Amino acid sequence: MRWSSAASDLPDLERAVETIAARIEKEMDGKEIDLLLVFPSSHFVSRYHEIPELLGKRIPHGALVGCAAGGVIGGGEEIENRPGISATAAHLPDVRVNAVALEAPGLPDLDAPPGAWRDLFSVAAEERPHFVIVADPFSFPTEILLSGLDYAYPKSAKIGGLASAARQRGANALYAGERVLTEGAVVIALSGNVEMETAVAQGCRPIGEPMRITRCKGNWLLQLDGHPPIEVIQKLIASLPDEDRDLATHSLFLGIVMDELTSGHRPGDYLIRNLIGMEPNSGALAVGDRLREGRTVRFHLRDRRSSAEDLESVLRAFAERKRPHPPEGALLFSCLGRGEHLYGGPNHDSDLFRSRLGEIPLGGFFCNGEIGPVGGSTYLHGYTSAFGVFRPARGDSPADREPTKATRGERL
């Protein structure tokens, strides 16, 4: 297995592709490229349709997948607010690469059996495939897809993000082989000699103490430990230091424990969700997810410091895990609200990743919603950085091993 990632901020598309191709060609050292992921910024909107052909002429590859983005990540660099294109190449011996383009009308409904979802990807659950997903936020029900994938492939990891180059339906681009789509989703299923580990940093820190949902209806939180939520928040904010009190006026979130067997005291125990409304008469809160009575919840704050500390904690724990084979490549799906906007400078998350895991090729993009697991299930997040880190599942994998041809099952 071998990975390479490169990015360019040259405004001339041909020169940018040449620059990326030269680096990938050098780093791949003759290895066949079984998967190529590409993410161009919106500055190339008039030339989205030329990108597959330009890449194909310069970088011979198998499956091609990607999408247009508000910012791109590759080769250790995060390119925001200016022209950019990134490409990440993978040589995947003994791996089946099955890439499928999906449209909303073609999805099974949530009452369908697992087999209906597996038929989409032509891979059995026993093969433990791992999934990389890019989708259009305006035309595709990503959360339904994630529920279906978790149902059909409960032991598989899923990671990805929503295209972010446009603000309206039909203006994004999704890459599915030679095709450039404006709607739907593209999903890669990787099976065989590959493992994908995930690391999800939601960028928040808890405040107050864990509490129980004692009454709720749908996404409305009606009581916490027997008290109206607004009353609980008022008391909580009054107890905070001045800096956090100001922050709570615009950056307060609810964390929901997804696995009640966890302690509920660590940031990673919670799924972070927005507070989206209030009913002043009853003191009820509307939350950006469905709720269940008896669930443990805790309020959270998000700011630059919290996000940095959370990512540091997540990556430190990831780096300390024992694994039989070292990581060979990684993908990063980060929120548009992070990056320079949050940290005031470039490359924050990429730099921290390298400081903890070393010089592993890392590519990706800034998303309009990030996909990753929390508590054993897969969710669509905001303000999050979600990493997928790849390594062989078995056998040694020295970088200079003789290539073994991947099995390609893409239907693009």
Foldseek 3Di string as FASTA:
>chain_A
DFKFKDKDQDLDVLVRLVVQLVRRCVRLVPFAFAEKEKEWELSCLVCPLVVLVSNCVRHPYHWYWYKYAQWWDFPLFIGHPGTMMMMMTDFDFFKEKAKAFDFAVQDDFPVDALVSLCVRGVDALVQQWEKEKEFAPAGHDVVRNQSSCCRNNLNHWYWYFYHHNDDHQQRMWIDTNSDTDRHTMMMIIMGGFKDKDKFKFLAKDFFDDKWFQADDDFQKRQDTVRHQPQVVVVVRLVPDPPVVNVQCVPFKWKWWQPDVVDPVNDPLRTDTWHFDDADVVRNMTGIPGTDDGGIIMTMIGHALVSRLVRLLVRLQVVLPDDDPAAFNAKEKEAAPCDACVGNVHHSSNSVSNCVRRNDHTYIYHHHPWIWGDGPSGIDTGHRMMMMITMDTNDDYDDSPDDRHHHHYNYPD
